């Protein structure tokens, strides 16, 4: 067994940074007088996420395994170590205004976001199934509590309990899958499992183990048929936390799925992914069509987007993995931005969350309406937005692997989705205001959150090449096998 060196600590540096800031926030919270604003703790937490991003970039010179080959730093893990703290940073900025409006004075809110982020980033670099399970629990426990943070609201309590109970079942499925995989291969290390399954030596036990892990992770990404919790939990949870829940844990869970499905070399899961992708796209979009609550509409939308992402999983190989990694980043930018707008417009007690409450927003608050329009157009997949290139690469990867019917289902669902996204835009610009007053002024923190999300959305739609090429590098490393080198060539079509 190799001794632990300084390099081992560098390879978990973002996790250490986030943990240190989380502990500092919890300690300082106990020293502040009761009832005093905790906005300063939010600023400290924001600095912590930026420090974690800087630590992730520092890891670019420290690729390799650490901690007895349980953690691996590569382009794939660094990508998610930048993406997930960036999501948390924007959600913290949106929360600074939200907590004051909701009269919530509790620094542990920010501490839980940081600790949850620790679990999410660790999931992306862990290459040992038991460590993945521990990281999953760190992330889950934090989000279970955060989902019920609106304690004075019955829906908030229901949200937390429902998320906890169903999440516990999902975790059990994942753990049973890990146990069966160990029974089949005598290891929980992903590289060793891959070596054991070399040559497609996958038996019924391996297939069952993979299926059980898929069920557990399918819950975390809100993929059908494991999606039933999503609308109720998203409706009851605080809007900034929904922005985090719908993107951060999803990104981390998809990273684990990529490691498990393509890193272990297990087979037989293709049709499970195919069916889940088709169901997620269809049920998510059909459910969103009939919603009048914006949070529930976006909840069903997130189910549909999980389906689009699973299409890339079905395509497999480097081209599919590249599309999946890029899609994760694009979806995070536009969805965090959309929920940040919902958070601001909802006002105290999140009273204004129906589509009718957005009537005339283009006149009442032109900048908010314009920002939300950008996010809605990106969710549709309109050119010059990140959503367009994300869907383009997913469906291109699917066609490249002859997944014609899955591509057709995806395109039809994209057309259906355009209706409810455009419906919100029409209400904002073509209906008389249903509220007498304009929304409250946007605070500098909320404005920064919206600007960052909008810039990321446009950037990924106008010049996606650098992010896409880095995603391709991560995909290539993820699927690399000894003595075999594959070069991924990414062609970026003109956005004009």
Protein backbone atom coordinates (compact mmCIF):
# COMPACT_ATOMS: atom_id res chain seq x y z
CA UNK A 1 0.00 0.00 0.00
CA UNK A 2 1.47 3.34 -1.06
CA UNK A 3 2.07 6.00 1.61
CA UNK A 4 0.14 9.25 1.49
CA UNK A 5 2.08 12.16 -0.04
CA UNK A 6 1.49 15.90 -0.38
CA UNK A 7 0.21 15.27 -3.92
CA UNK A 8 -2.68 13.29 -2.43
CA UNK A 9 -3.90 16.40 -0.64
CA UNK A 10 -3.52 18.53 -3.76
CA UNK A 11 -5.71 16.04 -5.65
CA UNK A 12 -8.56 16.68 -3.20
CA UNK A 13 -7.73 20.38 -2.78
CA UNK A 14 -11.14 21.75 -3.92
CA UNK A 15 -12.88 19.45 -1.42
CA UNK A 16 -10.53 20.59 1.36
CA UNK A 17 -11.09 24.26 0.51
CA UNK A 18 -14.89 23.89 0.49
CA UNK A 19 -14.83 21.95 3.76
CA UNK A 20 -12.65 24.60 5.45
CA UNK A 21 -14.96 27.42 4.37
CA UNK A 22 -18.02 25.39 5.40
CA UNK A 23 -16.60 24.84 8.88
CA UNK A 24 -15.67 28.53 9.15
CA UNK A 25 -19.23 29.53 8.23
CA UNK A 26 -20.73 27.22 10.85
CA UNK A 27 -18.38 28.50 13.57
CA UNK A 28 -18.95 32.17 12.74
CA UNK A 29 -22.72 31.62 12.58
CA UNK A 30 -22.73 30.49 16.22
CA UNK A 31 -20.87 33.66 17.25
CA UNK A 32 -23.28 36.14 15.62
CA UNK A 33 -26.27 37.49 17.60
CA UNK A 34 -29.62 35.85 16.90
CA UNK A 35 -31.68 37.74 14.33
CA UNK A 36 -28.70 39.48 12.75
CA UNK A 37 -28.34 39.19 8.98
CA UNK A 38 -26.05 36.41 7.82
CA UNK A 39 -25.31 38.08 4.49
CA UNK A 40 -21.62 38.32 5.41
CA UNK A 41 -21.52 34.54 5.79
CA UNK A 42 -23.01 34.27 2.32
CA UNK A 43 -20.23 36.46 0.94
CA UNK A 44 -17.66 34.27 2.72
CA UNK A 45 -19.28 31.16 1.19
CA UNK A 46 -19.16 32.76 -2.25
CA UNK A 47 -15.43 33.41 -1.78
CA UNK A 48 -15.09 29.74 -0.78
CA UNK A 49 -16.60 28.56 -4.07
CA UNK A 50 -14.27 30.84 -6.02
CA UNK A 51 -11.31 29.46 -4.06
CA UNK A 52 -12.46 25.92 -4.90
CA UNK A 53 -12.60 26.80 -8.61
CA UNK A 54 -9.06 28.21 -8.38
CA UNK A 55 -7.96 25.00 -6.65
CA UNK A 56 -9.50 22.96 -9.47
CA UNK A 57 -7.47 24.89 -12.05
CA UNK A 58 -4.36 24.31 -9.94
CA UNK A 59 -5.04 20.56 -10.24
CA UNK A 60 -4.38 20.77 -14.00
CA UNK A 61 -0.71 20.15 -13.19
CA UNK A 62 -1.44 17.27 -10.83
CA UNK A 63 -3.20 14.61 -12.88
CA UNK A 64 -3.12 11.12 -11.38
CA UNK A 65 -4.63 8.97 -8.67
CA UNK A 66 -4.55 9.55 -4.92
CA UNK A 67 -5.65 8.10 -1.60
CA UNK A 68 -4.88 4.47 -2.43
CA UNK A 69 -6.29 4.81 -5.95
CA UNK A 70 -9.72 5.92 -4.75
CA UNK A 71 -9.58 9.40 -6.35
CA UNK A 72 -8.47 10.32 -9.85
CA UNK A 73 -7.69 13.80 -11.13
CA UNK A 74 -8.03 14.11 -14.91
CA UNK A 75 -9.64 16.45 -17.43
CA UNK A 76 -13.03 14.86 -16.72
CA UNK A 77 -12.90 15.48 -12.96
CA UNK A 78 -11.45 18.99 -13.32
CA UNK A 79 -14.33 19.93 -15.65
CA UNK A 80 -16.88 19.05 -12.97
CA UNK A 81 -14.72 20.54 -10.19
CA UNK A 82 -15.08 23.87 -11.99
CA UNK A 83 -18.72 23.46 -13.04
CA UNK A 84 -20.27 22.41 -9.72
CA UNK A 85 -18.68 25.13 -7.50
CA UNK A 86 -19.60 27.67 -10.20
CA UNK A 87 -23.24 26.53 -9.90
CA UNK A 88 -23.05 26.85 -6.11
CA UNK A 89 -21.49 30.32 -6.42
CA UNK A 90 -24.40 31.62 -8.53
CA UNK A 91 -26.95 30.02 -6.18
CA UNK A 92 -25.27 31.67 -3.17
CA UNK A 93 -25.45 35.06 -4.89
CA UNK A 94 -29.17 34.51 -5.56
CA UNK A 95 -29.66 33.46 -1.92
CA UNK A 96 -28.25 36.67 -0.41
CA UNK A 97 -31.37 38.57 -1.45
CA UNK A 98 -33.73 35.61 -1.01
CA UNK A 99 -32.98 34.90 2.66
CA UNK A 100 -33.49 38.55 3.67
CA UNK A 101 -36.79 38.67 1.81
CA UNK A 102 -38.00 35.44 3.42
CA UNK A 103 -36.77 36.68 6.82
CA UNK A 104 -34.56 33.62 7.23
CA UNK A 105 -31.54 34.35 9.40
CA UNK A 106 -29.40 31.25 9.48
CA UNK A 107 -25.79 30.85 8.42
CA UNK A 108 -26.05 27.07 8.35
CA UNK A 109 -27.89 27.52 5.02
CA UNK A 110 -24.62 28.57 3.39
CA UNK A 111 -22.65 25.94 5.26
CA UNK A 112 -24.94 23.21 3.95
CA UNK A 113 -24.50 24.47 0.38
CA UNK A 114 -20.72 24.24 0.77
CA UNK A 115 -20.83 20.78 2.35
CA UNK A 116 -23.24 19.58 -0.32
CA UNK A 117 -20.84 20.90 -2.96
CA UNK A 118 -18.05 18.86 -1.35
CA UNK A 119 -20.04 15.69 -1.98
CA UNK A 120 -20.89 16.69 -5.54
CA UNK A 121 -17.31 17.40 -6.60
CA UNK A 122 -16.00 14.30 -4.86
CA UNK A 123 -18.49 12.19 -6.82
CA UNK A 124 -16.89 13.32 -10.08
CA UNK A 125 -13.34 12.33 -9.11
CA UNK A 126 -14.01 9.19 -7.08
CA UNK A 127 -13.14 5.95 -8.88
CA UNK A 128 -14.12 3.66 -6.02
CA UNK A 129 -17.78 2.72 -5.61
CA UNK A 130 -17.87 2.91 -1.81
CA UNK A 131 -16.31 6.39 -1.90
CA UNK A 132 -18.86 7.38 -4.55
CA UNK A 133 -21.60 6.20 -2.19
CA UNK A 134 -20.16 8.27 0.69
CA UNK A 135 -19.88 11.36 -1.54
CA UNK A 136 -23.45 10.79 -2.74
CA UNK A 137 -24.67 10.73 0.86
CA UNK A 138 -22.74 13.92 1.75
CA UNK A 139 -24.46 15.67 -1.14
CA UNK A 140 -27.88 14.15 -0.46
CA UNK A 141 -28.07 14.87 3.27
CA UNK A 142 -27.30 18.54 2.68
CA UNK A 143 -29.94 18.88 -0.03
CA UNK A 144 -32.54 16.99 2.04
CA UNK A 145 -32.23 19.70 4.72
CA UNK A 146 -32.04 22.61 2.29
CA UNK A 147 -35.18 21.42 0.47
CA UNK A 148 -37.20 21.97 3.66
CA UNK A 149 -35.69 25.31 4.60
CA UNK A 150 -39.02 27.12 4.26
CA UNK A 151 -40.05 25.70 7.62
CA UNK A 152 -43.06 27.99 8.04
CA UNK A 153 -44.52 26.67 4.79
CA UNK A 154 -46.24 23.27 4.81
CA UNK A 155 -45.16 22.62 1.23
CA UNK A 156 -41.54 23.16 2.25
CA UNK A 157 -41.77 20.51 4.95
CA UNK A 158 -43.51 18.12 2.56
CA UNK A 159 -40.78 18.76 0.01
CA UNK A 160 -38.02 17.79 2.44
CA UNK A 161 -39.75 14.67 3.78
CA UNK A 162 -40.70 13.39 0.33
CA UNK A 163 -37.20 14.00 -1.00
CA UNK A 164 -35.64 12.26 2.02
CA UNK A 165 -37.86 9.17 1.95
CA UNK A 166 -37.65 8.54 -1.79
CA UNK A 167 -33.96 9.45 -1.80
CA UNK A 168 -33.30 6.86 0.89
CA UNK A 169 -34.88 4.14 -1.25
CA UNK A 170 -32.79 5.24 -4.22
CA UNK A 171 -29.62 5.16 -2.12
CA UNK A 172 -30.45 1.61 -1.02
CA UNK A 173 -30.75 0.51 -4.65
CA UNK A 174 -27.36 2.03 -5.44
CA UNK A 175 -25.74 0.36 -2.42
CA UNK A 176 -27.22 -3.04 -3.33
CA UNK A 177 -25.80 -2.58 -6.80
CA UNK A 178 -22.35 -1.85 -5.36
CA UNK A 179 -22.57 -5.00 -3.20
CA UNK A 180 -23.53 -7.17 -6.18
CA UNK A 181 -20.75 -5.66 -8.31
CA UNK A 182 -18.29 -6.56 -5.58
CA UNK A 183 -19.69 -10.07 -5.48
CA UNK A 184 -19.25 -10.42 -9.24
CA UNK A 185 -15.77 -8.88 -9.58
CA UNK A 186 -14.27 -9.02 -6.05
CA UNK A 187 -13.61 -5.28 -6.19
CA UNK A 188 -15.29 -1.90 -5.82
CA UNK A 189 -12.52 -0.07 -7.69
CA UNK A 190 -13.73 1.04 -11.12
CA UNK A 191 -10.39 0.34 -12.90
CA UNK A 192 -10.18 -3.11 -11.33
CA UNK A 193 -13.78 -3.85 -12.23
CA UNK A 194 -12.97 -2.83 -15.81
CA UNK A 195 -9.98 -5.17 -15.83
CA UNK A 196 -12.15 -7.99 -14.49
CA UNK A 197 -14.76 -7.42 -17.21
CA UNK A 198 -12.24 -7.14 -20.06
CA UNK A 199 -13.52 -8.76 -23.24
CA UNK A 200 -17.20 -8.27 -22.37
CA UNK A 201 -17.10 -10.85 -19.59
CA UNK A 202 -20.33 -9.56 -18.03
CA UNK A 203 -22.68 -12.08 -16.48
CA UNK A 204 -26.22 -11.73 -15.06
CA UNK A 205 -24.86 -10.57 -11.70
CA UNK A 206 -22.94 -7.69 -13.28
CA UNK A 207 -26.00 -6.69 -15.33
CA UNK A 208 -28.19 -6.73 -12.19
CA UNK A 209 -25.62 -4.68 -10.28
CA UNK A 210 -25.43 -2.10 -13.07
CA UNK A 211 -29.25 -1.93 -13.28
CA UNK A 212 -29.56 -1.33 -9.53
CA UNK A 213 -26.96 1.44 -9.62
CA UNK A 214 -28.81 2.95 -12.58
CA UNK A 215 -32.00 3.03 -10.52
CA UNK A 216 -30.25 4.82 -7.66
CA UNK A 217 -28.62 7.39 -9.90
CA UNK A 218 -31.75 7.69 -12.06
CA UNK A 219 -33.53 9.12 -9.02
CA UNK A 220 -30.79 11.71 -8.49
CA UNK A 221 -30.99 12.94 -12.10
CA UNK A 222 -34.82 12.84 -12.12
CA UNK A 223 -34.98 10.46 -15.07
CA UNK A 224 -38.21 8.58 -15.76
CA UNK A 225 -39.59 6.38 -14.33
CA UNK A 226 -37.82 7.61 -11.17
CA UNK A 227 -39.01 11.19 -11.53
CA UNK A 228 -42.22 11.31 -9.49
CA UNK A 229 -40.67 13.27 -6.63
CA UNK A 230 -39.43 16.13 -8.78
CA UNK A 231 -42.46 18.49 -9.24
CA UNK A 232 -43.56 18.42 -5.58
CA UNK A 233 -40.03 18.84 -4.21
CA UNK A 234 -39.16 21.66 -6.61
CA UNK A 235 -42.41 23.47 -5.81
CA UNK A 236 -41.88 23.36 -2.05
CA UNK A 237 -38.13 23.98 -1.85
CA UNK A 238 -36.64 27.51 -1.80
CA UNK A 239 -36.13 28.73 -5.38
CA UNK A 240 -32.32 29.22 -5.10
CA UNK A 241 -32.03 25.69 -3.69
CA UNK A 242 -34.09 24.35 -6.59
CA UNK A 243 -31.58 26.05 -8.89
CA UNK A 244 -28.85 24.11 -7.09
CA UNK A 245 -30.76 20.81 -6.83
CA UNK A 246 -31.73 20.79 -10.49
CA UNK A 247 -28.16 21.29 -11.70
CA UNK A 248 -25.38 20.53 -9.18
CA UNK A 249 -26.42 17.05 -7.93
CA UNK A 250 -27.54 16.22 -11.47
CA UNK A 251 -24.14 17.12 -12.91
CA UNK A 252 -22.41 15.05 -10.22
CA UNK A 253 -24.75 12.09 -10.70
CA UNK A 254 -24.27 12.17 -14.46
CA UNK A 255 -20.50 12.22 -13.87
CA UNK A 256 -20.87 9.07 -11.75
CA UNK A 257 -23.06 7.47 -14.42
CA UNK A 258 -20.37 8.13 -17.00
CA UNK A 259 -17.73 6.58 -14.74
CA UNK A 260 -19.87 3.56 -13.89
CA UNK A 261 -21.21 2.80 -17.36
CA UNK A 262 -18.11 3.55 -19.42
CA UNK A 263 -15.34 3.25 -16.85
CA UNK A 264 -16.22 -0.25 -15.63
CA UNK A 265 -16.76 -1.72 -19.08
CA UNK A 266 -20.07 -3.32 -18.03
CA UNK A 267 -22.51 -4.16 -20.82
CA UNK A 268 -26.21 -4.83 -21.28
CA UNK A 269 -27.44 -1.46 -20.08
CA UNK A 270 -28.12 0.12 -23.50
CA UNK A 271 -31.85 -0.59 -23.65
CA UNK A 272 -32.33 0.58 -20.05
CA UNK A 273 -30.85 3.94 -21.04
CA UNK A 274 -32.82 4.01 -24.31
CA UNK A 275 -36.17 3.44 -22.58
CA UNK A 276 -35.40 5.87 -19.75
CA UNK A 277 -34.37 8.57 -22.26
CA UNK A 278 -37.55 8.18 -24.32
CA UNK A 279 -39.78 8.14 -21.22
CA UNK A 280 -38.03 11.12 -19.63
CA UNK A 281 -38.32 13.31 -22.72
CA UNK A 282 -41.96 12.40 -23.33
CA UNK A 283 -43.35 12.40 -19.79
CA UNK A 284 -41.37 15.50 -18.83
CA UNK A 285 -42.62 17.60 -21.74
CA UNK A 286 -46.21 16.36 -21.55
CA UNK A 287 -46.28 17.10 -17.82
CA UNK A 288 -44.88 20.61 -18.36
CA UNK A 289 -47.56 21.43 -20.95
CA UNK A 290 -50.36 21.46 -18.35
CA UNK A 291 -48.56 23.36 -15.56
CA UNK A 292 -49.52 26.86 -14.47
CA UNK A 293 -46.92 27.02 -11.70
CA UNK A 294 -43.56 28.10 -13.14
CA UNK A 295 -41.54 26.04 -10.65
CA UNK A 296 -43.50 22.89 -11.50
CA UNK A 297 -43.19 23.64 -15.21
CA UNK A 298 -39.42 23.90 -14.88
CA UNK A 299 -39.42 20.74 -12.76
CA UNK A 300 -41.03 18.75 -15.57
CA UNK A 301 -38.68 20.52 -17.97
CA UNK A 302 -35.70 19.21 -15.96
CA UNK A 303 -37.05 15.67 -16.36
CA UNK A 304 -37.19 16.17 -20.12
CA UNK A 305 -33.64 17.54 -20.20
CA UNK A 306 -32.44 14.51 -18.26
CA UNK A 307 -33.88 12.50 -21.14
CA UNK A 308 -32.01 14.54 -23.76
CA UNK A 309 -28.79 13.97 -21.84
CA UNK A 310 -29.44 10.22 -21.64
CA UNK A 311 -29.67 10.19 -25.45
CA UNK A 312 -25.97 11.06 -25.46
CA UNK A 313 -25.34 8.18 -23.04
CA UNK A 314 -27.08 5.85 -25.45
CA UNK A 315 -24.83 7.05 -28.25
CA UNK A 316 -21.81 6.16 -26.13
CA UNK A 317 -18.20 6.29 -27.33
CA UNK A 318 -16.23 9.53 -27.27
CA UNK A 319 -18.70 11.50 -29.38
CA UNK A 320 -21.64 10.70 -27.08
CA UNK A 321 -19.67 11.35 -23.90
CA UNK A 322 -18.43 14.68 -25.22
CA UNK A 323 -22.00 15.73 -26.01
CA UNK A 324 -23.17 14.62 -22.54
CA UNK A 325 -20.45 16.57 -20.72
CA UNK A 326 -21.10 19.73 -22.77
CA UNK A 327 -24.87 19.40 -22.32
CA UNK A 328 -24.40 19.27 -18.54
CA UNK A 329 -22.61 22.63 -18.56
CA UNK A 330 -25.09 24.31 -20.92
CA UNK A 331 -28.12 23.08 -18.98
CA UNK A 332 -26.58 24.23 -15.69
CA UNK A 333 -26.10 27.79 -16.98
CA UNK A 334 -29.61 28.28 -18.35
CA UNK A 335 -31.48 26.48 -15.57
CA UNK A 336 -29.69 28.23 -12.70
CA UNK A 337 -30.46 31.54 -14.39
CA UNK A 338 -34.14 30.69 -14.88
CA UNK A 339 -34.63 29.74 -11.23
CA UNK A 340 -32.75 32.85 -10.09
CA UNK A 341 -35.34 34.97 -11.93
CA UNK A 342 -38.15 32.89 -10.39
CA UNK A 343 -36.58 33.44 -6.98
CA UNK A 344 -36.62 37.23 -7.39
CA UNK A 345 -40.10 37.52 -8.87
CA UNK A 346 -41.61 35.17 -6.27
CA UNK A 347 -41.18 37.88 -3.60
CA UNK A 348 -41.76 37.19 0.11
CA UNK A 349 -43.26 33.76 0.69
CA UNK A 350 -42.87 32.95 -3.01
CA UNK A 351 -46.37 34.29 -3.65
CA UNK A 352 -45.94 35.02 -7.35
CA UNK A 353 -45.02 31.74 -8.99
CA UNK A 354 -47.82 31.18 -11.51
CA UNK A 355 -47.49 31.96 -15.20
CA UNK A 356 -50.22 34.63 -14.85
CA UNK A 357 -48.02 36.46 -12.33
CA UNK A 358 -45.51 37.05 -15.15
CA UNK A 359 -48.05 38.90 -17.28
CA UNK A 360 -46.67 42.22 -18.48
CA UNK A 361 -43.23 41.60 -16.97
CA UNK A 362 -41.70 43.03 -20.15
CA UNK A 363 -43.12 46.42 -19.17
CA UNK A 364 -42.86 46.13 -15.40
CA UNK A 365 -39.23 44.99 -15.41
CA UNK A 366 -37.72 44.89 -18.93
CA UNK A 367 -34.29 43.62 -17.83
CA UNK A 368 -35.72 40.71 -15.82
CA UNK A 369 -37.99 39.77 -18.70
CA UNK A 370 -35.12 39.97 -21.20
CA UNK A 371 -32.89 37.81 -19.01
CA UNK A 372 -35.59 35.18 -18.51
CA UNK A 373 -36.25 35.22 -22.27
CA UNK A 374 -32.60 34.32 -22.91
CA UNK A 375 -32.89 31.33 -20.58
CA UNK A 376 -36.20 30.19 -22.06
CA UNK A 377 -34.85 30.41 -25.63
CA UNK A 378 -31.80 28.40 -24.56
CA UNK A 379 -34.01 25.74 -22.97
CA UNK A 380 -35.87 25.49 -26.30
CA UNK A 381 -32.58 25.22 -28.20
CA UNK A 382 -32.62 28.44 -30.24
CA UNK A 383 -29.34 29.33 -32.07
CA UNK A 384 -26.83 31.65 -30.35
CA UNK A 385 -27.58 30.02 -26.99
CA UNK A 386 -25.88 27.15 -25.19
CA UNK A 387 -29.03 25.05 -25.40
CA UNK A 388 -28.85 25.02 -29.20
CA UNK A 389 -25.35 23.58 -29.43
CA UNK A 390 -26.03 21.20 -26.54
CA UNK A 391 -28.99 19.63 -28.35
CA UNK A 392 -27.20 19.77 -31.68
CA UNK A 393 -24.30 17.68 -30.38
CA UNK A 394 -26.54 15.24 -28.54
CA UNK A 395 -28.68 14.50 -31.57
CA UNK A 396 -25.65 14.46 -33.88
CA UNK A 397 -24.01 11.86 -31.63
CA UNK A 398 -27.21 9.81 -31.62
CA UNK A 399 -27.47 9.87 -35.43
CA UNK A 400 -23.78 9.02 -35.72
CA UNK A 401 -24.54 5.81 -33.79
CA UNK A 402 -27.73 5.11 -35.81
CA UNK A 403 -30.14 5.89 -32.96
CA UNK A 404 -32.65 7.20 -35.46
CA UNK A 405 -35.85 6.54 -33.52
CA UNK A 406 -34.46 7.99 -30.30
CA UNK A 407 -33.41 11.08 -32.24
CA UNK A 408 -36.88 11.41 -33.77
CA UNK A 409 -38.47 11.14 -30.31
CA UNK A 410 -36.07 13.81 -29.06
CA UNK A 411 -36.79 16.22 -31.92
CA UNK A 412 -40.56 15.81 -31.57
CA UNK A 413 -40.28 16.46 -27.85
CA UNK A 414 -38.16 19.54 -28.49
CA UNK A 415 -40.94 20.92 -30.68
CA UNK A 416 -43.51 20.17 -27.96
CA UNK A 417 -41.33 21.86 -25.34
CA UNK A 418 -41.15 25.04 -27.43
CA UNK A 419 -44.87 25.60 -26.73
CA UNK A 420 -44.67 25.98 -22.96
CA UNK A 421 -41.40 27.94 -23.01
CA UNK A 422 -42.79 30.35 -25.64
CA UNK A 423 -46.05 30.56 -23.72
CA UNK A 424 -44.20 32.15 -20.80
CA UNK A 425 -42.45 34.60 -23.14
CA UNK A 426 -45.78 35.54 -24.76
CA UNK A 427 -47.33 36.15 -21.34
CA UNK A 428 -44.44 38.42 -20.34
CA UNK A 429 -44.61 40.61 -23.43
CA UNK A 430 -48.16 40.37 -24.82
CA UNK A 431 -50.43 40.37 -21.79
CA UNK A 432 -51.54 43.16 -19.53
CA UNK A 433 -49.83 43.15 -16.13
CA UNK A 434 -51.72 41.18 -13.49
CA UNK A 435 -49.84 42.94 -10.68
CA UNK A 436 -50.07 46.65 -9.93
CA UNK A 437 -46.46 47.14 -8.91
CA UNK A 438 -43.20 46.22 -10.59
CA UNK A 439 -40.98 43.59 -8.93
CA UNK A 440 -38.66 44.89 -6.25
CA UNK A 441 -35.34 46.30 -7.49
CA UNK A 442 -32.72 43.70 -8.29
CA UNK A 443 -29.94 43.67 -5.70
CA UNK A 444 -26.28 43.75 -6.83
CA UNK A 445 -25.85 40.11 -5.77
CA UNK A 446 -28.90 38.92 -7.69
CA UNK A 447 -27.92 41.05 -10.67
CA UNK A 448 -24.47 39.46 -10.65
CA UNK A 449 -26.00 35.98 -10.53
CA UNK A 450 -28.24 36.72 -13.52
CA UNK A 451 -25.43 38.32 -15.52
CA UNK A 452 -23.07 35.40 -14.90
CA UNK A 453 -25.71 32.86 -15.93
CA UNK A 454 -26.68 34.86 -19.03
CA UNK A 455 -23.06 35.33 -20.10
CA UNK A 456 -22.37 31.61 -19.70
CA UNK A 457 -25.51 30.76 -21.70
CA UNK A 458 -24.57 33.08 -24.58
CA UNK A 459 -20.89 32.13 -24.47
CA UNK A 460 -21.69 28.43 -24.84
CA UNK A 461 -23.93 29.30 -27.77
CA UNK A 462 -21.58 31.65 -29.63
CA UNK A 463 -18.11 30.23 -28.97
CA UNK A 464 -18.58 26.69 -27.60
CA UNK A 465 -15.32 25.39 -29.07
CA UNK A 466 -13.02 25.70 -26.03
CA UNK A 467 -15.49 24.08 -23.61
CA UNK A 468 -16.39 21.42 -26.16
CA UNK A 469 -12.77 20.53 -26.85
CA UNK A 470 -12.05 20.23 -23.14
CA UNK A 471 -15.15 18.03 -22.78
CA UNK A 472 -13.82 15.90 -25.63
CA UNK A 473 -10.50 15.56 -23.83
CA UNK A 474 -12.29 14.42 -20.68
CA UNK A 475 -14.37 11.94 -22.67
CA UNK A 476 -11.28 10.54 -24.36
CA UNK A 477 -9.51 10.03 -21.04
CA UNK A 478 -12.61 8.43 -19.55
CA UNK A 479 -12.83 5.79 -22.27
CA UNK A 480 -9.08 5.32 -22.82
CA UNK A 481 -7.74 1.77 -22.61
CA UNK A 482 -4.13 0.64 -22.50
CA UNK A 483 -2.24 0.65 -25.81
CA UNK A 484 -5.16 2.26 -27.58
CA UNK A 485 -5.33 5.90 -28.48
CA UNK A 486 -8.32 7.64 -29.96
CA UNK A 487 -8.37 11.20 -31.15
CA UNK A 488 -11.63 13.08 -30.88
CA UNK A 489 -12.12 15.74 -33.53
CA UNK A 490 -14.77 18.30 -32.70
CA UNK A 491 -16.24 20.31 -35.54
CA UNK A 492 -17.94 23.48 -34.36
CA UNK A 493 -20.46 24.71 -36.93
CA UNK A 494 -20.82 28.39 -37.51
CA UNK A 495 -23.42 30.06 -35.31
CA UNK A 496 -24.38 32.37 -38.13
